Amino acid sequence: MPNPNEDTPSALSQAQQRAVAELLRVAPVADDLARRFQEAGFSLALVGGSVRDALLGWLGNDLDFTTDARPEDVLKIVRPWADAVWEVGIAFGTVGAHKSARVAGTDWNFQIEITTYRSEAYDRTSRKPEVSYGDSIEEDLVRRDFTVNAMAVALPEKEFIDPHGGLEDLAARVLRTPGTPEESFSDDPLRMMRAARFAAQLDFTVAPEVVTAMTEMAGRIEIVSAERVRDELNKLILSAHPRKGLSLLVDTGLAAHVLPELPALRLERDEHHRHKDVYDHTLIVLEQAIALEENGPDLTLRLAALLHDIGKPRTRRFEKDGRVSFHHHEVVGAKMTKKRMTALKYSNELVKDVSRLVELHLRFHGYGTGEWTDSAVRRYVRDAGPLLDRLHKLTRSDCTTRNKRKAAALSRAYDGLEERIAQLKEQEELDAIRPDLDGNQIMEILGVGPGPVVGKAYKHMLELRLENGPMEHDAAAAALKDWWAEQS
């Protein structure tokens, strides 16, 4: 790594010092691999995000390399050395490997990707990039998305390669493209979303010319597959500063193509300003939900917070008394959530969970401010099921009022609900509420065989269980017989 000269800003000097420390830490593995490439007549360099993260001081166990070796040559070099090798990305010139190593007394499991020098570009109709291999690292770096990802360290000699000023941009915390942003985004339109994602992950500013190109070329994102868009969106939402990235997507018009329900929340306020800005409210709810996370980023919770009010534009009504209403927006929003997430190719389970949270996010308010009955508590827990903890967080996050007295009252009310749930859980099996009689017992008591009657009886007994709590077997049997007599 080069020593900074007297004119180099201190931020660059600090970054270089961090990078040296990080690279020394992974050197035993990286240098060993580099020597193997060298002996085979090829070059190897640490590249992209790995160099950026080393300069930022948080290089992990994911290492990205680039080489002039073709994929088949990479496989020959890596297979005898790595603990495992995979070829999932080989069509795009990437070979993956796993290597366990003990470094400075600590065991590490390195996830390694080695990509042949390449250039890739979209044609106007394809959803997949066309890959062609290059012959120099300079040619490879110019096709990278941003200058902070277009730096490399040639190994094993540790030569720092930065033809596009990535180090200065890293110190300035700004995202620029190696060439013109128009050329970069034309090659791969997903890079526009990556700009928003990196802004959110790194808390960087996006250069004005890049924002302009994103705005003018937003429609190009349409040719990118839903899966690639979804993956970038997930990384953005799970980042440290998702609001920054989401705002950029909305402001540039990209969100109108990939998540149109979000910019649609920018409702014009009525002349009396009697309802809040739903878009701003949504971003605050997302931030408040993140603050309540306990075990790291929770994609289900964050998506639910982001989408919980998307039904409001379709349900907005101006009432005769001047108020604005959004009746049943949670039901409409749940359907819209399912449709959008399905279009983005999310898993069925995640679609189901997020849609359910959107549907339930107002349930707490439906019970009013009075004392919760046992029946109401049971139904709340039953309806939330395994999503109860997330529903607690979403409901609390949905309070964005600036009225401190009102906010405190809502918080106390929800505290009360959670206390009631805890009390009932000590007395009953709230997590798996079932009727006091199962299907076989129902058939035996009524003297009937399998059929619709058993289902109706089971449903009736479940309602009794929710309303009255557990019953002894004889009492449950008597209640079933009473119901059966009414049916007859």
Protein backbone atom coordinates (compact mmCIF):
# COMPACT_ATOMS: atom_id res chain seq x y z
CA MET A 1 0.00 0.00 0.00
CA PRO A 2 1.38 3.48 -0.80
CA ASN A 3 2.38 5.88 1.92
CA PRO A 4 0.31 9.08 1.84
CA ASN A 5 2.27 12.17 0.85
CA GLU A 6 2.11 15.47 2.69
CA ASP A 7 -0.82 16.72 0.60
CA THR A 8 -3.02 13.68 1.29
CA PRO A 9 -5.95 14.49 3.60
CA SER A 10 -5.82 12.82 7.00
CA ALA A 11 -8.97 10.84 6.15
CA LEU A 12 -7.06 9.10 3.37
CA SER A 13 -4.14 8.37 5.65
CA GLN A 14 -6.44 6.84 8.27
CA ALA A 15 -8.21 4.77 5.61
CA GLN A 16 -4.91 3.45 4.31
CA GLN A 17 -3.77 2.54 7.81
CA ARG A 18 -6.99 0.64 8.42
CA ALA A 19 -6.60 -1.14 5.11
CA VAL A 20 -3.06 -2.24 5.93
CA ALA A 21 -4.23 -3.70 9.24
CA GLU A 22 -7.15 -5.50 7.62
CA LEU A 23 -5.08 -6.86 4.74
CA LEU A 24 -2.39 -8.11 7.09
CA ARG A 25 -5.10 -10.02 8.94
CA VAL A 26 -6.26 -11.93 5.84
CA ALA A 27 -2.81 -12.05 4.22
CA PRO A 28 -2.04 -15.70 5.12
CA VAL A 29 -5.03 -16.89 3.09
CA ALA A 30 -4.96 -14.25 0.34
CA ASP A 31 -1.21 -14.49 -0.24
CA ASP A 32 -1.28 -18.28 -0.28
CA LEU A 33 -3.96 -18.21 -2.96
CA ALA A 34 -2.15 -15.48 -4.93
CA ARG A 35 1.07 -17.50 -5.01
CA ARG A 36 -0.80 -20.43 -6.49
CA PHE A 37 -2.14 -18.21 -9.27
CA GLN A 38 1.32 -16.75 -9.80
CA GLU A 39 2.87 -20.20 -10.14
CA ALA A 40 0.25 -21.03 -12.76
CA GLY A 41 1.13 -17.90 -14.71
CA PHE A 42 -1.82 -15.74 -13.71
CA SER A 43 -2.47 -12.58 -11.69
CA LEU A 44 -4.75 -12.22 -8.67
CA ALA A 45 -6.04 -9.12 -6.89
CA LEU A 46 -8.37 -8.38 -4.03
CA VAL A 47 -11.07 -6.17 -5.52
CA GLY A 48 -14.27 -4.21 -5.12
CA GLY A 49 -16.19 -4.40 -1.88
CA SER A 50 -13.36 -6.23 -0.13
CA VAL A 51 -10.94 -3.35 -0.74
CA ARG A 52 -13.59 -0.78 0.16
CA ASP A 53 -14.38 -2.59 3.40
CA ALA A 54 -10.68 -2.95 4.24
CA LEU A 55 -10.28 0.81 3.85
CA LEU A 56 -13.32 1.34 6.09
CA GLY A 57 -11.89 -1.03 8.66
CA TRP A 58 -14.56 -3.73 8.57
CA LEU A 59 -13.32 -6.39 6.16
CA GLY A 60 -15.05 -9.63 7.13
CA ASN A 61 -14.65 -13.20 5.96
CA ASP A 62 -16.13 -12.59 2.47
CA LEU A 63 -13.26 -11.98 0.05
CA ASP A 64 -13.68 -10.95 -3.59
CA PHE A 65 -10.82 -11.48 -6.07
CA THR A 66 -10.35 -10.78 -9.75
CA THR A 67 -7.97 -12.54 -12.13
CA ASP A 68 -6.89 -12.85 -15.75
CA ALA A 69 -7.36 -16.61 -15.49
CA ARG A 70 -10.43 -18.01 -17.24
CA PRO A 71 -12.97 -19.88 -15.08
CA GLU A 72 -11.71 -23.32 -16.13
CA ASP A 73 -8.18 -22.33 -15.08
CA VAL A 74 -9.48 -20.90 -11.80
CA LEU A 75 -11.13 -24.23 -11.03
CA LYS A 76 -7.86 -26.12 -11.64
CA ILE A 77 -6.00 -23.82 -9.23
CA VAL A 78 -8.65 -23.60 -6.52
CA ARG A 79 -9.95 -27.17 -6.27
CA PRO A 80 -6.80 -28.67 -4.67
CA TRP A 81 -6.56 -25.71 -2.25
CA ALA A 82 -10.12 -24.95 -1.09
CA ASP A 83 -12.25 -26.96 1.33
CA ALA A 84 -15.21 -26.65 -1.05
CA VAL A 85 -15.81 -25.16 -4.50
CA TRP A 86 -19.04 -24.18 -6.23
CA GLU A 87 -19.78 -23.17 -9.79
CA VAL A 88 -23.17 -21.45 -9.41
CA GLY A 89 -21.89 -18.21 -10.97
CA ILE A 90 -19.49 -19.71 -13.48
CA ALA A 91 -21.65 -18.59 -16.41
CA PHE A 92 -20.80 -15.05 -15.34
CA GLY A 93 -17.13 -15.85 -14.84
CA THR A 94 -17.28 -16.39 -11.06
CA VAL A 95 -16.00 -19.37 -9.09
CA GLY A 96 -16.90 -19.65 -5.40
CA ALA A 97 -14.87 -21.37 -2.70
CA HIS A 98 -14.76 -21.98 1.03
CA LYS A 99 -11.50 -22.03 2.98
CA SER A 100 -11.01 -22.55 6.69
CA ALA A 101 -7.84 -21.12 8.18
CA ARG A 102 -6.34 -20.19 11.52
CA VAL A 103 -5.19 -16.58 11.44
CA ALA A 104 -3.44 -14.95 14.40
CA GLY A 105 -4.82 -17.56 16.77
CA THR A 106 -8.41 -17.28 15.50
CA ASP A 107 -10.28 -19.77 13.31
CA TRP A 108 -11.83 -18.19 10.22
CA ASN A 109 -14.18 -19.56 7.57
CA PHE A 110 -13.54 -17.55 4.44
CA GLN A 111 -16.16 -17.31 1.68
CA ILE A 112 -14.27 -16.52 -1.49
CA GLU A 113 -15.36 -15.44 -4.98
CA ILE A 114 -12.90 -15.25 -7.85
CA THR A 115 -14.09 -13.54 -11.01
CA THR A 116 -12.32 -13.38 -14.33
CA TYR A 117 -11.64 -9.86 -15.67
CA ARG A 118 -14.80 -9.02 -17.51
CA SER A 119 -17.13 -6.47 -18.98
CA GLU A 120 -20.85 -6.92 -19.01
CA ALA A 121 -23.67 -5.02 -20.64
CA TYR A 122 -27.38 -5.31 -21.30
CA ASP A 123 -28.88 -5.12 -24.70
CA ARG A 124 -32.16 -3.24 -24.97
CA THR A 125 -34.38 -6.30 -24.60
CA SER A 126 -32.47 -8.79 -22.43
CA ARG A 127 -33.02 -9.26 -18.69
CA LYS A 128 -29.60 -10.91 -18.31
CA PRO A 129 -26.17 -9.33 -18.78
CA GLU A 130 -23.96 -10.42 -21.65
CA VAL A 131 -20.56 -11.41 -20.26
CA SER A 132 -17.29 -11.03 -22.12
CA TYR A 133 -13.86 -11.53 -20.57
CA GLY A 134 -11.20 -8.82 -20.43
CA ASP A 135 -7.41 -9.01 -20.39
CA SER A 136 -6.43 -6.31 -17.90
CA ILE A 137 -7.43 -5.26 -14.42
CA GLU A 138 -7.85 -1.67 -15.62
CA GLU A 139 -10.43 -2.87 -18.12
CA ASP A 140 -12.16 -4.78 -15.33
CA LEU A 141 -12.20 -1.86 -12.90
CA VAL A 142 -13.72 0.62 -15.35
CA ARG A 143 -16.81 -1.61 -15.65
CA ARG A 144 -17.39 -1.60 -11.89
CA ASP A 145 -20.44 0.20 -10.57
CA PHE A 146 -18.88 2.92 -8.39
CA THR A 147 -15.39 4.30 -7.86
CA VAL A 148 -15.35 3.14 -4.22
CA ASN A 149 -15.86 -0.39 -5.59
CA ALA A 150 -13.33 0.08 -8.42
CA MET A 151 -10.17 -0.27 -6.34
CA ALA A 152 -7.93 -3.32 -6.18
CA VAL A 153 -4.88 -4.62 -4.33
CA ALA A 154 -2.61 -6.79 -6.49
CA LEU A 155 -1.33 -9.81 -4.57
CA PRO A 156 0.96 -10.92 -3.12
CA GLU A 157 2.95 -7.68 -3.62
CA LYS A 158 0.14 -5.52 -2.12
CA GLU A 159 0.15 -2.97 -4.94
CA PHE A 160 -2.79 -0.55 -4.58
CA ILE A 161 -4.63 0.08 -7.87
CA ASP A 162 -7.05 3.02 -7.98
CA PRO A 163 -7.37 4.49 -11.48
CA HIS A 164 -10.67 6.29 -10.81
CA GLY A 165 -10.09 8.10 -7.53
CA GLY A 166 -12.06 5.71 -5.38
CA LEU A 167 -9.93 6.42 -2.31
CA GLU A 168 -10.72 10.14 -2.45
CA ASP A 169 -14.43 9.42 -2.95
CA LEU A 170 -14.35 7.00 -0.02
CA ALA A 171 -12.84 9.70 2.20
CA ALA A 172 -15.47 12.17 0.98
CA ARG A 173 -18.21 9.54 1.47
CA VAL A 174 -19.60 10.07 -2.03
CA LEU A 175 -20.79 7.64 -4.71
CA ARG A 176 -19.61 8.29 -8.26
CA THR A 177 -19.26 6.03 -11.30
CA PRO A 178 -15.86 5.23 -12.91
CA GLY A 179 -17.12 6.40 -16.30
CA THR A 180 -20.23 8.45 -17.01
CA PRO A 181 -23.25 7.35 -14.99
CA GLU A 182 -25.26 7.09 -18.20
CA GLU A 183 -22.84 4.51 -19.60
CA SER A 184 -22.70 2.63 -16.31
CA PHE A 185 -26.49 2.45 -15.90
CA SER A 186 -26.98 1.55 -19.54
CA ASP A 187 -24.63 -1.40 -19.06
CA ASP A 188 -26.54 -2.60 -16.00
CA PRO A 189 -29.64 -0.66 -14.90
CA LEU A 190 -29.63 -2.45 -11.54
CA ARG A 191 -26.71 -0.19 -10.61
CA MET A 192 -29.24 2.60 -10.09
CA MET A 193 -30.77 0.58 -7.26
CA ARG A 194 -27.30 -0.29 -6.02
CA ALA A 195 -26.62 3.44 -5.67
CA ALA A 196 -29.60 3.72 -3.34
CA ARG A 197 -28.54 0.55 -1.51
CA PHE A 198 -24.97 1.72 -0.94
CA ALA A 199 -26.20 5.12 0.20
CA ALA A 200 -28.30 3.29 2.79
CA GLN A 201 -25.62 0.77 3.79
CA LEU A 202 -22.64 3.13 3.94
CA ASP A 203 -24.49 6.38 4.73
CA PHE A 204 -22.86 7.96 1.67
CA THR A 205 -24.06 10.84 -0.51
CA VAL A 206 -24.80 10.11 -4.17
CA ALA A 207 -23.10 12.56 -6.54
CA PRO A 208 -25.49 14.99 -8.29
CA GLU A 209 -24.65 13.73 -11.77
CA VAL A 210 -25.43 10.19 -10.65
CA VAL A 211 -28.80 11.27 -9.22
CA THR A 212 -29.59 13.07 -12.47
CA ALA A 213 -28.81 9.96 -14.53
CA MET A 214 -30.91 7.80 -12.19
CA THR A 215 -33.84 10.18 -12.64
CA GLU A 216 -33.53 10.34 -16.43
CA MET A 217 -32.97 6.58 -16.85
CA ALA A 218 -35.33 5.23 -14.18
CA GLY A 219 -37.44 3.43 -16.78
CA ARG A 220 -34.45 1.25 -17.74
CA ILE A 221 -34.92 -0.72 -14.53
CA GLU A 222 -37.89 -2.42 -16.19
CA ILE A 223 -35.59 -4.80 -18.10
CA VAL A 224 -34.01 -6.16 -14.91
CA SER A 225 -35.47 -9.38 -13.53
CA ALA A 226 -37.77 -9.22 -10.51
CA GLU A 227 -35.41 -11.47 -8.55
CA ARG A 228 -32.44 -9.11 -8.94
CA VAL A 229 -34.59 -6.11 -8.03
CA ARG A 230 -35.94 -7.93 -4.97
CA ASP A 231 -32.46 -8.87 -3.77
CA GLU A 232 -31.25 -5.26 -4.01
CA LEU A 233 -34.39 -4.03 -2.27
CA ASN A 234 -33.83 -6.48 0.57
CA LYS A 235 -30.24 -5.33 1.05
CA LEU A 236 -31.43 -1.73 1.13
CA ILE A 237 -34.25 -2.40 3.59
CA LEU A 238 -31.94 -4.42 5.87
CA SER A 239 -29.27 -1.70 5.87
CA ALA A 240 -28.40 0.68 8.68
CA HIS A 241 -30.06 3.70 7.00
CA PRO A 242 -32.92 2.40 4.81
CA ARG A 243 -34.76 5.72 4.84
CA LYS A 244 -31.88 7.33 2.94
CA GLY A 245 -32.01 4.72 0.17
CA LEU A 246 -35.80 4.57 -0.04
CA SER A 247 -36.03 8.36 -0.30
CA LEU A 248 -33.55 8.27 -3.18
CA LEU A 249 -35.60 5.60 -4.97
CA VAL A 250 -38.73 7.71 -4.60
CA ASP A 251 -37.11 11.05 -5.51
CA THR A 252 -35.50 9.68 -8.69
CA GLY A 253 -38.65 7.88 -9.85
CA LEU A 254 -37.13 4.40 -9.55
CA ALA A 255 -39.63 3.42 -6.87
CA ALA A 256 -42.46 4.11 -9.31
CA HIS A 257 -41.18 1.12 -11.30
CA VAL A 258 -40.14 -1.31 -8.57
CA LEU A 259 -42.34 -0.41 -5.58
CA PRO A 260 -45.00 2.05 -6.85
CA GLU A 261 -47.06 1.74 -3.66
CA LEU A 262 -44.40 3.73 -1.79
CA PRO A 263 -44.44 6.99 -3.79
CA ALA A 264 -48.24 6.67 -3.97
CA LEU A 265 -48.25 7.40 -0.22
CA ARG A 266 -47.28 10.99 -0.98
CA LEU A 267 -50.88 12.09 -0.69
CA GLU A 268 -51.72 15.75 -1.05
CA ARG A 269 -52.94 17.07 2.24
CA ASP A 270 -56.42 18.45 2.43
CA GLU A 271 -56.74 22.22 2.80
CA HIS A 272 -57.26 21.94 6.56
CA HIS A 273 -54.19 19.67 7.04
CA ARG A 274 -56.30 17.21 8.97
CA HIS A 275 -54.36 14.08 8.08
CA LYS A 276 -50.66 13.34 8.26
CA ASP A 277 -48.29 12.87 5.35
CA VAL A 278 -48.63 9.09 4.95
CA TYR A 279 -45.28 8.74 3.16
CA ASP A 280 -43.33 10.50 5.89
CA HIS A 281 -45.31 8.64 8.54
CA THR A 282 -44.37 5.33 6.90
CA LEU A 283 -40.65 6.09 6.95
CA ILE A 284 -40.88 7.10 10.62
CA VAL A 285 -42.72 3.85 11.43
CA LEU A 286 -39.95 1.91 9.67
CA GLU A 287 -37.28 3.68 11.72
CA GLN A 288 -39.20 3.13 14.94
CA ALA A 289 -39.67 -0.56 14.13
CA ILE A 290 -35.93 -0.89 13.53
CA ALA A 291 -35.28 0.67 16.93
CA LEU A 292 -37.35 -2.12 18.53
CA GLU A 293 -35.44 -4.98 16.86
CA GLU A 294 -33.72 -7.23 19.37
CA ASN A 295 -31.78 -9.82 17.37
CA GLY A 296 -30.53 -7.94 14.33
CA PRO A 297 -32.36 -6.77 11.19
CA ASP A 298 -35.78 -8.40 10.71
CA LEU A 299 -36.88 -8.38 7.06
CA THR A 300 -40.45 -9.45 7.90
CA LEU A 301 -40.93 -6.62 10.39
CA ARG A 302 -39.29 -4.02 8.18
CA LEU A 303 -41.35 -4.95 5.13
CA ALA A 304 -44.53 -4.86 7.21
CA ALA A 305 -43.62 -1.41 8.55
CA LEU A 306 -42.86 -0.17 5.04
CA LEU A 307 -46.09 -1.53 3.54
CA HIS A 308 -48.53 -1.25 6.45
CA ASP A 309 -50.36 1.81 5.09
CA ILE A 310 -50.20 1.20 1.32
CA GLY A 311 -53.97 0.70 1.30
CA LYS A 312 -54.60 4.31 2.33
CA PRO A 313 -54.51 5.98 -1.11
CA ARG A 314 -57.19 3.61 -2.41
CA THR A 315 -59.43 4.02 0.63
CA ARG A 316 -59.10 7.76 1.25
CA ARG A 317 -62.43 9.54 1.66
CA PHE A 318 -63.22 13.16 2.46
CA GLU A 319 -66.08 13.08 4.96
CA LYS A 320 -68.84 15.69 5.19
CA ASP A 321 -67.46 17.06 8.44
CA GLY A 322 -64.10 17.76 6.79
CA ARG A 323 -62.31 14.76 8.22
CA VAL A 324 -60.33 12.34 6.05
CA SER A 325 -60.97 8.61 6.51
CA PHE A 326 -59.19 5.45 5.36
CA HIS A 327 -61.75 2.81 6.29
CA HIS A 328 -60.54 -0.80 5.90
CA HIS A 329 -57.17 0.31 4.53
CA GLU A 330 -55.55 -2.55 6.42
CA VAL A 331 -57.61 -5.13 4.50
CA VAL A 332 -56.98 -3.45 1.16
CA GLY A 333 -53.31 -2.99 2.07
CA ALA A 334 -52.90 -6.69 2.89
CA LYS A 335 -54.17 -7.62 -0.58
CA MET A 336 -51.89 -5.04 -2.22
CA THR A 337 -48.95 -6.31 -0.18
CA LYS A 338 -49.54 -9.86 -1.34
CA LYS A 339 -49.78 -8.76 -4.97
CA ARG A 340 -46.62 -6.63 -4.90
CA MET A 341 -44.49 -9.13 -2.98
CA THR A 342 -45.62 -11.94 -5.27
CA ALA A 343 -44.63 -9.86 -8.30
CA LEU A 344 -41.19 -9.38 -6.72
CA LYS A 345 -40.87 -13.18 -6.32
CA TYR A 346 -40.78 -13.27 -2.53
CA SER A 347 -41.30 -16.65 -0.89
CA ASN A 348 -44.88 -17.71 -0.17
CA GLU A 349 -44.14 -17.82 3.56
CA LEU A 350 -42.77 -14.28 3.67
CA VAL A 351 -45.66 -12.97 1.56
CA LYS A 352 -48.11 -14.62 3.95
CA ASP A 353 -46.44 -13.25 7.09
CA VAL A 354 -46.01 -9.67 5.89
CA SER A 355 -49.55 -9.54 4.47
CA ARG A 356 -50.93 -10.84 7.77
CA LEU A 357 -49.07 -8.19 9.77
CA VAL A 358 -50.41 -5.47 7.46
CA GLU A 359 -53.92 -6.85 7.93
CA LEU A 360 -53.57 -6.93 11.74
CA HIS A 361 -51.73 -3.66 12.35
CA LEU A 362 -54.92 -1.82 13.40
CA ARG A 363 -56.44 -4.66 15.41
CA PHE A 364 -55.26 -3.21 18.72
CA HIS A 365 -57.11 0.05 18.10
CA GLY A 366 -60.33 -1.78 17.31
CA TYR A 367 -60.77 -2.78 20.93
CA GLY A 368 -60.96 0.79 22.20
CA THR A 369 -59.30 2.09 25.34
CA GLY A 370 -61.24 0.11 27.92
CA GLU A 371 -60.18 -2.97 29.87
CA TRP A 372 -59.42 -5.94 27.62
CA THR A 373 -61.64 -8.94 28.24
CA ASP A 374 -60.16 -12.43 28.36
CA SER A 375 -62.03 -13.22 25.17
CA ALA A 376 -60.53 -10.24 23.32
CA VAL A 377 -57.02 -11.14 24.47
CA ARG A 378 -57.43 -14.76 23.32
CA ARG A 379 -58.65 -13.68 19.88
CA TYR A 380 -55.80 -11.18 19.51
CA VAL A 381 -53.21 -13.84 20.33
CA ARG A 382 -54.93 -16.47 18.18
CA ASP A 383 -55.13 -14.17 15.15
CA ALA A 384 -51.48 -13.09 15.42
CA GLY A 385 -50.18 -16.61 16.01
CA PRO A 386 -46.39 -16.83 15.65
CA LEU A 387 -46.32 -13.20 14.46
CA LEU A 388 -47.41 -11.85 17.86
CA ASP A 389 -44.01 -10.45 18.86
CA ARG A 390 -43.65 -8.69 15.51
CA LEU A 391 -47.22 -7.39 15.78
CA HIS A 392 -46.34 -5.89 19.17
CA LYS A 393 -43.40 -4.04 17.58
CA LEU A 394 -45.35 -2.93 14.50
CA THR A 395 -48.29 -1.62 16.55
CA ARG A 396 -46.01 0.34 18.87
CA SER A 397 -44.05 1.72 15.90
CA ASP A 398 -47.24 2.92 14.23
CA CYS A 399 -47.64 5.67 16.84
CA THR A 400 -46.00 8.77 15.34
CA THR A 401 -48.12 11.45 16.95
CA ARG A 402 -46.29 14.52 18.21
CA ASN A 403 -48.83 14.82 21.03
CA LYS A 404 -46.81 13.47 23.94
CA ARG A 405 -49.89 12.93 26.10
CA LYS A 406 -51.61 10.89 23.39
CA ALA A 407 -48.44 8.90 22.65
CA ALA A 408 -47.98 8.10 26.34
CA ALA A 409 -51.62 7.00 26.65
CA LEU A 410 -51.27 4.65 23.66
CA SER A 411 -48.06 3.22 25.06
CA ARG A 412 -49.67 2.61 28.44
CA ALA A 413 -52.65 0.95 26.76
CA TYR A 414 -50.40 -1.41 24.85
CA ASP A 415 -48.39 -2.10 27.99
CA GLY A 416 -51.69 -3.13 29.53
CA LEU A 417 -52.46 -5.49 26.67
CA GLU A 418 -49.09 -7.19 26.92
CA GLU A 419 -49.57 -7.58 30.67
CA ARG A 420 -53.00 -9.17 30.09
CA ILE A 421 -51.47 -11.57 27.55
CA ALA A 422 -48.76 -12.54 30.02
CA GLN A 423 -51.35 -13.11 32.78
CA LEU A 424 -53.54 -15.31 30.59
CA LYS A 425 -50.53 -17.27 29.33
CA GLU A 426 -49.83 -18.27 32.93
CA GLN A 427 -53.36 -19.67 33.19
CA GLU A 428 -53.96 -21.05 29.69
CA GLU A 429 -52.10 -22.31 26.62
CA LEU A 430 -52.62 -19.13 24.65
CA ASP A 431 -50.00 -19.96 22.05
CA ALA A 432 -51.98 -22.95 20.75
CA ILE A 433 -55.65 -22.35 21.49
CA ARG A 434 -57.77 -25.37 20.56
CA PRO A 435 -61.30 -26.50 21.40
CA ASP A 436 -61.68 -28.58 24.55
CA LEU A 437 -62.86 -31.47 22.34
CA ASP A 438 -61.01 -32.77 19.29
CA GLY A 439 -62.60 -34.18 16.14
CA ASN A 440 -62.65 -37.79 17.34
CA GLN A 441 -64.30 -36.83 20.62
CA ILE A 442 -66.90 -34.77 18.78
CA MET A 443 -67.80 -37.71 16.52
CA GLU A 444 -68.01 -40.05 19.51
CA ILE A 445 -70.26 -37.75 21.56
CA LEU A 446 -72.58 -36.91 18.65
CA GLY A 447 -72.53 -40.41 17.17
CA VAL A 448 -71.65 -39.14 13.67
CA GLY A 449 -68.96 -39.99 11.16
CA PRO A 450 -66.52 -37.70 9.34
CA GLY A 451 -68.17 -34.88 7.42
CA PRO A 452 -69.13 -31.18 7.41
CA VAL A 453 -70.99 -31.52 10.72
CA VAL A 454 -67.74 -32.27 12.56
CA GLY A 455 -66.14 -29.15 11.13
CA LYS A 456 -69.07 -26.97 12.19
CA ALA A 457 -69.05 -28.50 15.67
CA TYR A 458 -65.29 -27.98 15.98
CA LYS A 459 -65.68 -24.33 14.98
CA HIS A 460 -68.45 -23.85 17.54
CA MET A 461 -66.32 -25.36 20.30
CA LEU A 462 -63.40 -23.16 19.32
CA GLU A 463 -65.60 -20.08 19.64
CA LEU A 464 -66.67 -21.24 23.11
CA ARG A 465 -63.02 -21.74 24.04
CA LEU A 466 -62.10 -18.25 22.87
CA GLU A 467 -65.08 -16.67 24.60
CA ASN A 468 -65.09 -18.51 27.92
CA GLY A 469 -61.67 -20.08 28.33
CA PRO A 470 -60.94 -23.76 29.11
CA MET A 471 -63.79 -26.09 30.11
CA GLU A 472 -63.76 -29.46 31.84
CA HIS A 473 -64.55 -32.43 29.60
CA ASP A 474 -68.06 -32.97 30.95
CA ALA A 475 -68.97 -29.29 30.60
CA ALA A 476 -67.57 -29.23 27.06
CA ALA A 477 -69.54 -32.37 26.14
CA ALA A 478 -72.73 -30.84 27.56
CA ALA A 479 -72.16 -27.64 25.59
CA LEU A 480 -71.63 -29.68 22.42
CA LYS A 481 -74.86 -31.61 22.99
CA ASP A 482 -76.77 -28.35 23.54
CA TRP A 483 -75.44 -27.02 20.25
CA TRP A 484 -76.33 -30.26 18.48
CA ALA A 485 -79.89 -30.10 19.83
CA GLU A 486 -80.25 -26.60 18.42
CA GLN A 487 -79.01 -27.80 15.03
CA SER A 488 -81.56 -30.64 15.00
